[in-house]
PDB file of N, CA and C in Angstrom:
ATOM      1  N   MET A   1     -48.013 111.514 -16.120  1.00  0.00           N
ATOM      2  CA  MET A   1     -48.216 110.446 -17.065  1.00  0.00           C
ATOM      3  C   MET A   1     -48.366 111.048 -18.462  1.00  0.00           C
ATOM      4  N   PRO A   2     -47.639 110.501 -19.448  1.00  0.00           N
ATOM      5  CA  PRO A   2     -47.740 111.044 -20.803  1.00  0.00           C
ATOM      6  C   PRO A   2     -49.103 110.741 -21.431  1.00  0.00           C
ATOM      7  N   TYR A   3     -49.495 111.609 -22.340  1.00  0.00           N
ATOM      8  CA  TYR A   3     -50.769 111.439 -23.041  1.00  0.00           C
ATOM      9  C   TYR A   3     -50.664 110.302 -24.048  1.00  0.00           C
ATOM     10  N   LEU A   4     -51.639 109.429 -24.062  1.00  0.00           N
ATOM     11  CA  LEU A   4     -51.758 108.378 -25.066  1.00  0.00           C
ATOM     12  C   LEU A   4     -53.111 108.520 -25.742  1.00  0.00           C
ATOM     13  N   ALA A   5     -53.095 108.760 -27.027  1.00  0.00           N
ATOM     14  CA  ALA A   5     -54.336 108.943 -27.780  1.00  0.00           C
ATOM     15  C   ALA A   5     -55.129 107.641 -27.812  1.00  0.00           C
ATOM     16  N   PRO A   6     -56.419 107.699 -27.535  1.00  0.00           N
ATOM     17  CA  PRO A   6     -57.260 106.497 -27.560  1.00  0.00           C
ATOM     18  C   PRO A   6     -57.691 106.159 -28.988  1.00  0.00           C
ATOM     19  N   GLN A   7     -56.735 105.750 -29.798  1.00  0.00           N
ATOM     20  CA  GLN A   7     -56.968 105.554 -31.223  1.00  0.00           C
ATOM     21  C   GLN A   7     -58.051 104.513 -31.519  1.00  0.00           C
ATOM     22  N   LYS A   8     -58.026 103.395 -30.826  1.00  0.00           N
ATOM     23  CA  LYS A   8     -59.033 102.358 -31.078  1.00  0.00           C
ATOM     24  C   LYS A   8     -60.427 102.883 -30.765  1.00  0.00           C
ATOM     25  N   ASP A   9     -60.548 103.646 -29.666  1.00  0.00           N
ATOM     26  CA  ASP A   9     -61.847 104.222 -29.302  1.00  0.00           C
ATOM     27  C   ASP A   9     -62.304 105.238 -30.339  1.00  0.00           C
ATOM     28  N   MET A  10     -61.363 106.052 -30.825  1.00  0.00           N
ATOM     29  CA  MET A  10     -61.702 107.055 -31.836  1.00  0.00           C
ATOM     30  C   MET A  10     -62.201 106.389 -33.114  1.00  0.00           C
ATOM     31  N   LEU A  11     -61.473 105.357 -33.561  1.00  0.00           N
ATOM     32  CA  LEU A  11     -61.864 104.677 -34.783  1.00  0.00           C
ATOM     33  C   LEU A  11     -63.211 103.978 -34.603  1.00  0.00           C
ATOM     34  N   PHE A  12     -63.416 103.387 -33.433  1.00  0.00           N
ATOM     35  CA  PHE A  12     -64.705 102.745 -33.153  1.00  0.00           C
ATOM     36  C   PHE A  12     -65.836 103.775 -33.231  1.00  0.00           C
ATOM     37  N   ALA A  13     -65.626 104.932 -32.608  1.00  0.00           N
ATOM     38  CA  ALA A  13     -66.656 105.976 -32.618  1.00  0.00           C
ATOM     39  C   ALA A  13     -66.927 106.466 -34.043  1.00  0.00           C
ATOM     40  N   LEU A  14     -65.882 106.622 -34.831  1.00  0.00           N
ATOM     41  CA  LEU A  14     -66.068 107.071 -36.209  1.00  0.00           C
ATOM     42  C   LEU A  14     -66.804 106.024 -37.044  1.00  0.00           C
ATOM     43  N   GLU A  15     -66.448 104.753 -36.836  1.00  0.00           N
ATOM     44  CA  GLU A  15     -67.068 103.692 -37.623  1.00  0.00           C
ATOM     45  C   GLU A  15     -68.498 103.382 -37.177  1.00  0.00           C
ATOM     46  N   HIS A  16     -68.698 103.238 -35.871  1.00  0.00           N
ATOM     47  CA  HIS A  16     -69.954 102.692 -35.371  1.00  0.00           C
ATOM     48  C   HIS A  16     -70.927 103.724 -34.788  1.00  0.00           C
ATOM     49  N   VAL A  17     -70.424 104.847 -34.359  1.00  0.00           N
ATOM     50  CA  VAL A  17     -71.307 105.879 -33.812  1.00  0.00           C
ATOM     51  C   VAL A  17     -71.601 106.930 -34.886  1.00  0.00           C
ATOM     52  N   ALA A  18     -70.544 107.443 -35.504  1.00  0.00           N
ATOM     53  CA  ALA A  18     -70.722 108.479 -36.532  1.00  0.00           C
ATOM     54  C   ALA A  18     -71.083 107.890 -37.895  1.00  0.00           C
ATOM     55  N   ASN A  19     -70.857 106.581 -38.076  1.00  0.00           N
ATOM     56  CA  ASN A  19     -71.134 105.909 -39.343  1.00  0.00           C
ATOM     57  C   ASN A  19     -70.388 106.598 -40.491  1.00  0.00           C
ATOM     58  N   MET A  20     -69.058 106.646 -40.334  1.00  0.00           N
ATOM     59  CA  MET A  20     -68.247 107.398 -41.287  1.00  0.00           C
ATOM     60  C   MET A  20     -68.381 106.901 -42.714  1.00  0.00           C
ATOM     61  N   GLN A  21     -68.592 105.610 -42.935  1.00  0.00           N
ATOM     62  CA  GLN A  21     -68.730 105.123 -44.308  1.00  0.00           C
ATOM     63  C   GLN A  21     -69.954 105.734 -44.989  1.00  0.00           C
ATOM     64  N   GLN A  22     -71.035 105.916 -44.235  1.00  0.00           N
ATOM     65  CA  GLN A  22     -72.222 106.556 -44.799  1.00  0.00           C
ATOM     66  C   GLN A  22     -71.950 108.035 -45.071  1.00  0.00           C
ATOM     67  N   ILE A  23     -71.221 108.678 -44.174  1.00  0.00           N
ATOM     68  CA  ILE A  23     -70.850 110.086 -44.385  1.00  0.00           C
ATOM     69  C   ILE A  23     -70.009 110.212 -45.640  1.00  0.00           C
ATOM     70  N   PHE A  24     -69.021 109.306 -45.803  1.00  0.00           N
ATOM     71  CA  PHE A  24     -68.185 109.329 -47.003  1.00  0.00           C
ATOM     72  C   PHE A  24     -69.039 109.149 -48.256  1.00  0.00           C
ATOM     73  N   ALA A  25     -69.972 108.216 -48.203  1.00  0.00           N
ATOM     74  CA  ALA A  25     -70.838 107.964 -49.361  1.00  0.00           C
ATOM     75  C   ALA A  25     -71.706 109.180 -49.660  1.00  0.00           C
ATOM     76  N   ASP A  26     -72.310 109.757 -48.619  1.00  0.00           N
ATOM     77  CA  ASP A  26     -73.183 110.919 -48.813  1.00  0.00           C
ATOM     78  C   ASP A  26     -72.433 112.113 -49.397  1.00  0.00           C
ATOM     79  N   LEU A  27     -71.184 112.301 -48.968  1.00  0.00           N
ATOM     80  CA  LEU A  27     -70.387 113.442 -49.426  1.00  0.00           C
ATOM     81  C   LEU A  27     -69.521 113.103 -50.640  1.00  0.00           C
ATOM     82  N   GLN A  28     -69.632 111.862 -51.110  1.00  0.00           N
ATOM     83  CA  GLN A  28     -68.853 111.387 -52.253  1.00  0.00           C
ATOM     84  C   GLN A  28     -67.353 111.563 -52.015  1.00  0.00           C
ATOM     85  N   ILE A  29     -66.918 111.096 -50.846  1.00  0.00           N
ATOM     86  CA  ILE A  29     -65.513 111.167 -50.458  1.00  0.00           C
ATOM     87  C   ILE A  29     -64.904 109.783 -50.628  1.00  0.00           C
ATOM     88  N   ASP A  30     -63.768 109.720 -51.289  1.00  0.00           N
ATOM     89  CA  ASP A  30     -63.107 108.448 -51.547  1.00  0.00           C
ATOM     90  C   ASP A  30     -62.080 108.160 -50.446  1.00  0.00           C
ATOM     91  N   LEU A  31     -62.570 107.767 -49.278  1.00  0.00           N
ATOM     92  CA  LEU A  31     -61.711 107.360 -48.161  1.00  0.00           C
ATOM     93  C   LEU A  31     -62.240 106.049 -47.613  1.00  0.00           C
ATOM     94  N   ASP A  32     -61.335 105.263 -47.027  1.00  0.00           N
ATOM     95  CA  ASP A  32     -61.763 104.012 -46.412  1.00  0.00           C
ATOM     96  C   ASP A  32     -61.250 103.957 -44.975  1.00  0.00           C
ATOM     97  N   THR A  33     -61.678 102.941 -44.254  1.00  0.00           N
ATOM     98  CA  THR A  33     -61.329 102.790 -42.846  1.00  0.00           C
ATOM     99  C   THR A  33     -59.820 102.678 -42.658  1.00  0.00           C
ATOM    100  N   GLU A  34     -59.151 101.976 -43.535  1.00  0.00           N
ATOM    101  CA  GLU A  34     -57.701 101.820 -43.419  1.00  0.00           C
ATOM    102  C   GLU A  34     -56.986 103.169 -43.521  1.00  0.00           C
ATOM    103  N   THR A  35     -57.423 104.009 -44.432  1.00  0.00           N
ATOM    104  CA  THR A  35     -56.820 105.337 -44.590  1.00  0.00           C
ATOM    105  C   THR A  35     -57.082 106.190 -43.361  1.00  0.00           C
ATOM    106  N   VAL A  36     -58.313 106.184 -42.876  1.00  0.00           N
ATOM    107  CA  VAL A  36     -58.654 106.956 -41.682  1.00  0.00           C
ATOM    108  C   VAL A  36     -57.830 106.464 -40.489  1.00  0.00           C
ATOM    109  N   SER A  37     -57.679 105.161 -40.358  1.00  0.00           N
ATOM    110  CA  SER A  37     -56.882 104.592 -39.276  1.00  0.00           C
ATOM    111  C   SER A  37     -55.432 105.069 -39.368  1.00  0.00           C
ATOM    112  N   GLY A  38     -54.898 105.118 -40.578  1.00  0.00           N
ATOM    113  CA  GLY A  38     -53.534 105.614 -40.779  1.00  0.00           C
ATOM    114  C   GLY A  38     -53.384 107.075 -40.397  1.00  0.00           C
ATOM    115  N   VAL A  39     -54.385 107.876 -40.753  1.00  0.00           N
ATOM    116  CA  VAL A  39     -54.368 109.299 -40.383  1.00  0.00           C
ATOM    117  C   VAL A  39     -54.413 109.442 -38.860  1.00  0.00           C
ATOM    118  N   LEU A  40     -55.274 108.653 -38.216  1.00  0.00           N
ATOM    119  CA  LEU A  40     -55.361 108.696 -36.756  1.00  0.00           C
ATOM    120  C   LEU A  40     -54.045 108.276 -36.109  1.00  0.00           C
ATOM    121  N   ASP A  41     -53.390 107.263 -36.668  1.00  0.00           N
ATOM    122  CA  ASP A  41     -52.094 106.819 -36.133  1.00  0.00           C
ATOM    123  C   ASP A  41     -51.064 107.941 -36.185  1.00  0.00           C
ATOM    124  N   GLU A  42     -50.986 108.588 -37.337  1.00  0.00           N
ATOM    125  CA  GLU A  42     -50.002 109.671 -37.490  1.00  0.00           C
ATOM    126  C   GLU A  42     -50.373 110.882 -36.636  1.00  0.00           C
ATOM    127  N   ALA A  43     -51.656 111.191 -36.551  1.00  0.00           N
ATOM    128  CA  ALA A  43     -52.100 112.300 -35.706  1.00  0.00           C
ATOM    129  C   ALA A  43     -51.787 112.010 -34.247  1.00  0.00           C
ATOM    130  N   ALA A  44     -51.968 110.763 -33.842  1.00  0.00           N
ATOM    131  CA  ALA A  44     -51.667 110.381 -32.459  1.00  0.00           C
ATOM    132  C   ALA A  44     -50.188 110.573 -32.148  1.00  0.00           C
ATOM    133  N   LYS A  45     -49.320 110.202 -33.080  1.00  0.00           N
ATOM    134  CA  LYS A  45     -47.877 110.399 -32.876  1.00  0.00           C
ATOM    135  C   LYS A  45     -47.564 111.873 -32.668  1.00  0.00           C
ATOM    136  N   LEU A  46     -48.139 112.716 -33.517  1.00  0.00           N
ATOM    137  CA  LEU A  46     -47.907 114.156 -33.394  1.00  0.00           C
ATOM    138  C   LEU A  46     -48.416 114.678 -32.054  1.00  0.00           C
ATOM    139  N   MET A  47     -49.615 114.275 -31.680  1.00  0.00           N
ATOM    140  CA  MET A  47     -50.196 114.750 -30.416  1.00  0.00           C
ATOM    141  C   MET A  47     -49.395 114.259 -29.216  1.00  0.00           C
ATOM    142  N   GLN A  48     -49.051 112.985 -29.213  1.00  0.00           N
ATOM    143  CA  GLN A  48     -48.360 112.381 -28.076  1.00  0.00           C
ATOM    144  C   GLN A  48     -46.924 112.878 -27.953  1.00  0.00           C
ATOM    145  N   ASP A  49     -46.218 112.946 -29.070  1.00  0.00           N
ATOM    146  CA  ASP A  49     -44.781 113.223 -29.039  1.00  0.00           C
ATOM    147  C   ASP A  49     -44.421 114.697 -29.153  1.00  0.00           C
ATOM    148  N   VAL A  50     -45.314 115.511 -29.736  1.00  0.00           N
ATOM    149  CA  VAL A  50     -44.969 116.898 -30.028  1.00  0.00           C
ATOM    150  C   VAL A  50     -45.889 117.897 -29.321  1.00  0.00           C
ATOM    151  N   ILE A  51     -47.193 117.768 -29.516  1.00  0.00           N
ATOM    152  CA  ILE A  51     -48.144 118.754 -28.995  1.00  0.00           C
ATOM    153  C   ILE A  51     -48.353 118.615 -27.486  1.00  0.00           C
ATOM    154  N   ALA A  52     -48.695 117.423 -27.024  1.00  0.00           N
ATOM    155  CA  ALA A  52     -49.000 117.224 -25.603  1.00  0.00           C
ATOM    156  C   ALA A  52     -47.857 117.645 -24.671  1.00  0.00           C
ATOM    157  N   PRO A  53     -46.609 117.377 -25.032  1.00  0.00           N
ATOM    158  CA  PRO A  53     -45.529 117.805 -24.138  1.00  0.00           C
ATOM    159  C   PRO A  53     -45.435 119.326 -23.929  1.00  0.00           C
ATOM    160  N   THR A  54     -46.073 120.115 -24.794  1.00  0.00           N
ATOM    161  CA  THR A  54     -46.037 121.567 -24.624  1.00  0.00           C
ATOM    162  C   THR A  54     -47.090 122.065 -23.629  1.00  0.00           C
ATOM    163  N   ASN A  55     -48.040 121.204 -23.257  1.00  0.00           N
ATOM    164  CA  ASN A  55     -49.144 121.639 -22.397  1.00  0.00           C
ATOM    165  C   ASN A  55     -48.681 122.156 -21.041  1.00  0.00           C
ATOM    166  N   ARG A  56     -47.832 121.426 -20.367  1.00  0.00           N
ATOM    167  CA  ARG A  56     -47.390 121.818 -19.022  1.00  0.00           C
ATOM    168  C   ARG A  56     -46.643 123.151 -19.066  1.00  0.00           C
ATOM    169  N   GLY A  57     -45.736 123.284 -20.019  1.00  0.00           N
ATOM    170  CA  GLY A  57     -44.999 124.537 -20.162  1.00  0.00           C
ATOM    171  C   GLY A  57     -45.914 125.706 -20.456  1.00  0.00           C
ATOM    172  N   GLY A  58     -46.951 125.457 -21.254  1.00  0.00           N
ATOM    173  CA  GLY A  58     -47.917 126.506 -21.559  1.00  0.00           C
ATOM    174  C   GLY A  58     -48.731 126.917 -20.349  1.00  0.00           C
ATOM    175  N   ASP A  59     -48.967 125.964 -19.448  1.00  0.00           N
ATOM    176  CA  ASP A  59     -49.673 126.286 -18.202  1.00  0.00           C
ATOM    177  C   ASP A  59     -48.797 127.128 -17.283  1.00  0.00           C
ATOM    178  N   ILE A  60     -47.526 126.784 -17.229  1.00  0.00           N
ATOM    179  CA  ILE A  60     -46.603 127.476 -16.324  1.00  0.00           C
ATOM    180  C   ILE A  60     -46.216 128.850 -16.870  1.00  0.00           C
ATOM    181  N   GLU A  61     -45.884 128.902 -18.151  1.00  0.00           N
ATOM    182  CA  GLU A  61     -45.497 130.159 -18.805  1.00  0.00           C
ATOM    183  C   GLU A  61     -46.350 130.335 -20.062  1.00  0.00           C
ATOM    184  N   PRO A  62     -47.575 130.832 -19.906  1.00  0.00           N
ATOM    185  CA  PRO A  62     -48.466 130.951 -21.067  1.00  0.00           C
ATOM    186  C   PRO A  62     -48.006 132.009 -22.078  1.00  0.00           C
ATOM    187  N   SER A  63     -48.510 131.877 -23.283  1.00  0.00           N
ATOM    188  CA  SER A  63     -48.253 132.887 -24.314  1.00  0.00           C
ATOM    189  C   SER A  63     -48.832 134.215 -23.857  1.00  0.00           C
ATOM    190  N   PHE A  64     -48.245 135.311 -24.374  1.00  0.00           N
ATOM    191  CA  PHE A  64     -48.750 136.627 -23.983  1.00  0.00           C
ATOM    192  C   PHE A  64     -48.527 137.639 -25.097  1.00  0.00           C
ATOM    193  N   LEU A  65     -49.298 138.705 -25.029  1.00  0.00           N
ATOM    194  CA  LEU A  65     -49.216 139.815 -25.969  1.00  0.00           C
ATOM    195  C   LEU A  65     -48.647 141.017 -25.239  1.00  0.00           C
ATOM    196  N   LYS A  66     -47.577 141.582 -25.772  1.00  0.00           N
ATOM    197  CA  LYS A  66     -46.981 142.776 -25.174  1.00  0.00           C
ATOM    198  C   LYS A  66     -46.488 143.683 -26.297  1.00  0.00           C
ATOM    199  N   ASP A  67     -46.908 144.916 -26.252  1.00  0.00           N
ATOM    200  CA  ASP A  67     -46.519 145.915 -27.250  1.00  0.00           C
ATOM    201  C   ASP A  67     -46.792 145.440 -28.679  1.00  0.00           C
ATOM    202  N   GLY A  68     -47.928 144.772 -28.853  1.00  0.00           N
ATOM    203  CA  GLY A  68     -48.324 144.323 -30.177  1.00  0.00           C
ATOM    204  C   GLY A  68     -47.613 143.077 -30.674  1.00  0.00           C
ATOM    205  N   LYS A  69     -46.812 142.440 -29.832  1.00  0.00           N
ATOM    206  CA  LYS A  69     -46.070 141.248 -30.229  1.00  0.00           C
ATOM    207  C   LYS A  69     -46.482 140.069 -29.350  1.00  0.00           C
ATOM    208  N   VAL A  70     -46.775 138.934 -29.990  1.00  0.00           N
ATOM    209  CA  VAL A  70     -47.142 137.721 -29.257  1.00  0.00           C
ATOM    210  C   VAL A  70     -45.883 136.902 -28.987  1.00  0.00           C
ATOM    211  N   THR A  71     -45.725 136.509 -27.753  1.00  0.00           N
ATOM    212  CA  THR A  71     -44.650 135.596 -27.364  1.00  0.00           C
ATOM    213  C   THR A  71     -45.317 134.288 -26.952  1.00  0.00           C
ATOM    214  N   THR A  72     -44.949 133.222 -27.627  1.00  0.00           N
ATOM    215  CA  THR A  72     -45.572 131.929 -27.338  1.00  0.00           C
ATOM    216  C   THR A  72     -44.814 131.183 -26.247  1.00  0.00           C
ATOM    217  N   SER A  73     -45.486 130.217 -25.687  1.00  0.00           N
ATOM    218  CA  SER A  73     -44.898 129.361 -24.662  1.00  0.00           C
ATOM    219  C   SER A  73     -43.745 128.563 -25.246  1.00  0.00           C
ATOM    220  N   ALA A  74     -42.823 128.167 -24.387  1.00  0.00           N
ATOM    221  CA  ALA A  74     -41.674 127.364 -24.818  1.00  0.00           C
ATOM    222  C   ALA A  74     -42.153 126.102 -25.521  1.00  0.00           C
ATOM    223  N   GLY A  75     -41.557 125.803 -26.648  1.00  0.00           N
ATOM    224  CA  GLY A  75     -41.887 124.596 -27.392  1.00  0.00           C
ATOM    225  C   GLY A  75     -43.002 124.752 -28.410  1.00  0.00           C
ATOM    226  N   PHE A  76     -43.817 125.804 -28.261  1.00  0.00           N
ATOM    227  CA  PHE A  76     -44.956 125.953 -29.162  1.00  0.00           C
ATOM    228  C   PHE A  76     -44.518 126.212 -30.602  1.00  0.00           C
ATOM    229  N   LYS A  77     -43.518 127.057 -30.784  1.00  0.00           N
ATOM    230  CA  LYS A  77     -43.075 127.402 -32.135  1.00  0.00           C
ATOM    231  C   LYS A  77     -42.571 126.154 -32.870  1.00  0.00           C
ATOM    232  N   ASP A  78     -41.777 125.350 -32.191  1.00  0.00           N
ATOM    233  CA  ASP A  78     -41.275 124.125 -32.808  1.00  0.00           C
ATOM    234  C   ASP A  78     -42.410 123.140 -33.069  1.00  0.00           C
ATOM    235  N   ALA A  79     -43.344 123.016 -32.140  1.00  0.00           N
ATOM    236  CA  ALA A  79     -44.480 122.111 -32.327  1.00  0.00           C
ATOM    237  C   ALA A  79     -45.308 122.541 -33.528  1.00  0.00           C
ATOM    238  N   PHE A  80     -45.557 123.835 -33.661  1.00  0.00           N
ATOM    239  CA  PHE A  80     -46.331 124.327 -34.795  1.00  0.00           C
ATOM    240  C   PHE A  80     -45.581 124.090 -36.100  1.00  0.00           C
ATOM    241  N   LYS A  81     -44.264 124.250 -36.066  1.00  0.00           N
ATOM    242  CA  LYS A  81     -43.450 124.006 -37.256  1.00  0.00           C
ATOM    243  C   LYS A  81     -43.583 122.545 -37.704  1.00  0.00           C
ATOM    244  N   GLN A  82     -43.546 121.617 -36.741  1.00  0.00           N
ATOM    245  CA  GLN A  82     -43.698 120.202 -37.078  1.00  0.00           C
ATOM    246  C   GLN A  82     -45.109 119.915 -37.605  1.00  0.00           C
ATOM    247  N   TYR A  83     -46.093 120.578 -37.033  1.00  0.00           N
ATOM    248  CA  TYR A  83     -47.480 120.437 -37.479  1.00  0.00           C
ATOM    249  C   TYR A  83     -47.605 120.869 -38.946  1.00  0.00           C
ATOM    250  N   THR A  84     -47.036 122.017 -39.287  1.00  0.00           N
ATOM    251  CA  THR A  84     -47.150 122.504 -40.664  1.00  0.00           C
ATOM    252  C   THR A  84     -46.266 121.711 -41.617  1.00  0.00           C
ATOM    253  N   GLN A  85     -45.067 121.333 -41.179  1.00  0.00           N
ATOM    254  CA  GLN A  85     -44.195 120.536 -42.052  1.00  0.00           C
ATOM    255  C   GLN A  85     -44.808 119.173 -42.361  1.00  0.00           C
ATOM    256  N   GLY A  86     -45.608 118.667 -41.444  1.00  0.00           N
ATOM    257  CA  GLY A  86     -46.291 117.401 -41.669  1.00  0.00           C
ATOM    258  C   GLY A  86     -47.502 117.534 -42.574  1.00  0.00           C
ATOM    259  N   GLY A  87     -47.873 118.755 -42.921  1.00  0.00           N
ATOM    260  CA  GLY A  87     -48.994 118.985 -43.825  1.00  0.00           C
ATOM    261  C   GLY A  87     -50.364 118.939 -43.167  1.00  0.00           C
ATOM    262  N   TRP A  88     -50.402 118.937 -41.840  1.00  0.00           N
ATOM    263  CA  TRP A  88     -51.684 118.805 -41.145  1.00  0.00           C
ATOM    264  C   TRP A  88     -52.626 119.973 -41.413  1.00  0.00           C
ATOM    265  N   GLN A  89     -52.101 121.186 -41.546  1.00  0.00           N
ATOM    266  CA  GLN A  89     -52.968 122.330 -41.798  1.00  0.00           C
ATOM    267  C   GLN A  89     -53.617 122.233 -43.168  1.00  0.00           C
ATOM    268  N   ALA A  90     -53.013 121.490 -44.081  1.00  0.00           N
ATOM    269  CA  ALA A  90     -53.540 121.369 -45.443  1.00  0.00           C
ATOM    270  C   ALA A  90     -54.749 120.451 -45.522  1.00  0.00           C
ATOM    271  N   LEU A  91     -55.054 119.722 -44.468  1.00  0.00           N
ATOM    272  CA  LEU A  91     -56.232 118.852 -44.497  1.00  0.00           C
ATOM    273  C   LEU A  91     -57.523 119.635 -44.645  1.00  0.00           C
ATOM    274  N   SER A  92     -57.495 120.906 -44.314  1.00  0.00           N
ATOM    275  CA  SER A  92     -58.712 121.701 -44.408  1.00  0.00           C
ATOM    276  C   SER A  92     -58.879 122.365 -45.776  1.00  0.00           C
ATOM    277  N   HIS A  93     -57.973 122.055 -46.703  1.00  0.00           N
ATOM    278  CA  HIS A  93     -58.018 122.707 -48.011  1.00  0.00           C
ATOM    279  C   HIS A  93     -58.121 121.672 -49.123  1.00  0.00           C
ATOM    280  N   PRO A  94     -58.905 121.975 -50.152  1.00  0.00           N
ATOM    281  CA  PRO A  94     -58.995 121.052 -51.291  1.00  0.00           C
ATOM    282  C   PRO A  94     -57.689 121.048 -52.090  1.00  0.00           C
ATOM    283  N   GLU A  95     -57.514 120.026 -52.904  1.00  0.00           N
ATOM    284  CA  GLU A  95     -56.282 119.876 -53.681  1.00  0.00           C
ATOM    285  C   GLU A  95     -56.007 121.054 -54.602  1.00  0.00           C
ATOM    286  N   ASP A  96     -57.049 121.704 -55.121  1.00  0.00           N
ATOM    287  CA  ASP A  96     -56.826 122.789 -56.075  1.00  0.00           C
ATOM    288  C   ASP A  96     -56.180 124.021 -55.449  1.00  0.00           C
ATOM    289  N   VAL A  97     -56.063 124.062 -54.120  1.00  0.00           N
ATOM    290  CA  VAL A  97     -55.328 125.146 -53.446  1.00  0.00           C
ATOM    291  C   VAL A  97     -54.243 124.540 -52.552  1.00  0.00           C
ATOM    292  N   ASP A  98     -53.620 123.472 -53.072  1.00  0.00           N
ATOM    293  CA  ASP A  98     -52.499 122.788 -52.420  1.00  0.00           C
ATOM    294  C   ASP A  98     -52.871 122.077 -51.126  1.00  0.00           C
ATOM    295  N   GLY A  99     -54.119 121.687 -51.007  1.00  0.00           N
ATOM    296  CA  GLY A  99     -54.526 120.895 -49.855  1.00  0.00           C
ATOM    297  C   GLY A  99     -54.191 119.430 -50.055  1.00  0.00           C
ATOM    298  N   ASN A 100     -54.405 118.641 -49.019  1.00  0.00           N
ATOM    299  CA  ASN A 100     -54.069 117.221 -49.060  1.00  0.00           C
ATOM    300  C   ASN A 100     -55.260 116.309 -49.287  1.00  0.00           C
ATOM    301  N   VAL A 101     -56.445 116.846 -49.303  1.00  0.00           N
ATOM    302  CA  VAL A 101     -57.632 116.011 -49.368  1.00  0.00           C
ATOM    303  C   VAL A 101     -58.501 116.469 -50.538  1.00  0.00           C
ATOM    304  N   PRO A 102     -59.034 115.528 -51.303  1.00  0.00           N
ATOM    305  CA  PRO A 102     -59.847 115.925 -52.446  1.00  0.00           C
ATOM    306  C   PRO A 102     -61.129 116.648 -52.068  1.00  0.00           C
ATOM    307  N   ASN A 103     -61.613 116.459 -50.865  1.00  0.00           N
ATOM    308  CA  ASN A 103     -62.838 117.116 -50.424  1.00  0.00           C
ATOM    309  C   ASN A 103     -62.647 117.626 -49.005  1.00  0.00           C
ATOM    310  N   PRO A 104     -62.748 118.929 -48.764  1.00  0.00           N
ATOM    311  CA  PRO A 104     -62.488 119.458 -47.425  1.00  0.00           C
ATOM    312  C   PRO A 104     -63.437 118.941 -46.354  1.00  0.00           C
ATOM    313  N   HIS A 105     -64.576 118.374 -46.738  1.00  0.00           N
ATOM    314  CA  HIS A 105     -65.495 117.838 -45.724  1.00  0.00           C
ATOM    315  C   HIS A 105     -64.868 116.689 -44.950  1.00  0.00           C
ATOM    316  N   SER A 106     -63.894 116.005 -45.552  1.00  0.00           N
ATOM    317  CA  SER A 106     -63.257 114.887 -44.855  1.00  0.00           C
ATOM    318  C   SER A 106     -62.473 115.374 -43.645  1.00  0.00           C
ATOM    319  N   LEU A 107     -62.147 116.634 -43.619  1.00  0.00           N
ATOM    320  CA  LEU A 107     -61.441 117.199 -42.472  1.00  0.00           C
ATOM    321  C   LEU A 107     -62.253 117.049 -41.194  1.00  0.00           C
ATOM    322  N   HIS A 108     -63.553 117.135 -41.298  1.00  0.00           N
ATOM    323  CA  HIS A 108     -64.384 117.096 -40.099  1.00  0.00           C
ATOM    324  C   HIS A 108     -64.136 115.835 -39.279  1.00  0.00           C
ATOM    325  N   LEU A 109     -63.961 114.709 -39.931  1.00  0.00           N
ATOM    326  CA  LEU A 109     -63.669 113.479 -39.189  1.00  0.00           C
ATOM    327  C   LEU A 109     -62.330 113.589 -38.486  1.00  0.00           C
ATOM    328  N   HIS A 110     -61.348 114.143 -39.173  1.00  0.00           N
ATOM    329  CA  HIS A 110     -60.017 114.316 -38.591  1.00  0.00           C
ATOM    330  C   HIS A 110     -60.075 115.253 -37.399  1.00  0.00           C
ATOM    331  N   VAL A 111     -60.756 116.364 -37.528  1.00  0.00           N
ATOM    332  CA  VAL A 111     -60.829 117.351 -36.455  1.00  0.00           C
ATOM    333  C   VAL A 111     -61.538 116.774 -35.232  1.00  0.00           C
ATOM    334  N   VAL A 112     -62.635 116.080 -35.458  1.00  0.00           N
ATOM    335  CA  VAL A 112     -63.356 115.487 -34.334  1.00  0.00           C
ATOM    336  C   VAL A 112     -62.461 114.527 -33.573  1.00  0.00           C
ATOM    337  N   ALA A 113     -61.739 113.698 -34.302  1.00  0.00           N
ATOM    338  CA  ALA A 113     -60.884 112.714 -33.653  1.00  0.00           C
ATOM    339  C   ALA A 113     -59.702 113.361 -32.946  1.00  0.00           C
ATOM    340  N   VAL A 114     -58.983 114.217 -33.641  1.00  0.00           N
ATOM    341  CA  VAL A 114     -57.760 114.778 -33.091  1.00  0.00           C
ATOM    342  C   VAL A 114     -58.042 115.816 -32.008  1.00  0.00           C
ATOM    343  N   SER A 115     -59.134 116.544 -32.115  1.00  0.00           N
ATOM    344  CA  SER A 115     -59.411 117.584 -31.122  1.00  0.00           C
ATOM    345  C   SER A 115     -59.651 117.008 -29.739  1.00  0.00           C
ATOM    346  N   HIS A 116     -59.935 115.727 -29.666  1.00  0.00           N
ATOM    347  CA  HIS A 116     -60.119 115.092 -28.369  1.00  0.00           C
ATOM    348  C   HIS A 116     -58.805 114.606 -27.781  1.00  0.00           C
ATOM    349  N   CYS A 117     -57.700 114.793 -28.524  1.00  0.00           N
ATOM    350  CA  CYS A 117     -56.398 114.348 -28.031  1.00  0.00           C
ATOM    351  C   CYS A 117     -55.901 115.203 -26.889  1.00  0.00           C
TER     352      CYS A 117
END
C-alpha cells in the first residue's frame, strides 16, 4: 500500500496541540495556517510520490561504503535531486544566506510534520 501523508492530522496537531500560532507570535514569525497547510501539502506530495517509493529499494539494496566511496540505493540520488531542486533544504536557512524562510525557527514545524511521513 502506498504511503499517504496524514496532512489533516498533522495540521490539527500543529494548530491545536503545538499551538503553532502562539509559537509564531513568540518567535515573531510571519506565517499563517494557510501557508503552513500549503507547505504540508507540497511536502506530502514529495514524500508520497518521490521519497516513500525509495524505501523498499533501500531495504532490499541499502546504501554502502566501499573503498571510501558511498553508493546509494536505487532512486535515492534522483529523490535527493528533486528534494534540493524543490528548495526543501533551504527551509533551514535564513534569507540572508539564500534560504526560503525569514526565520529558521519556522523550520521546526516543518521538520516535525514531515519527519513523521
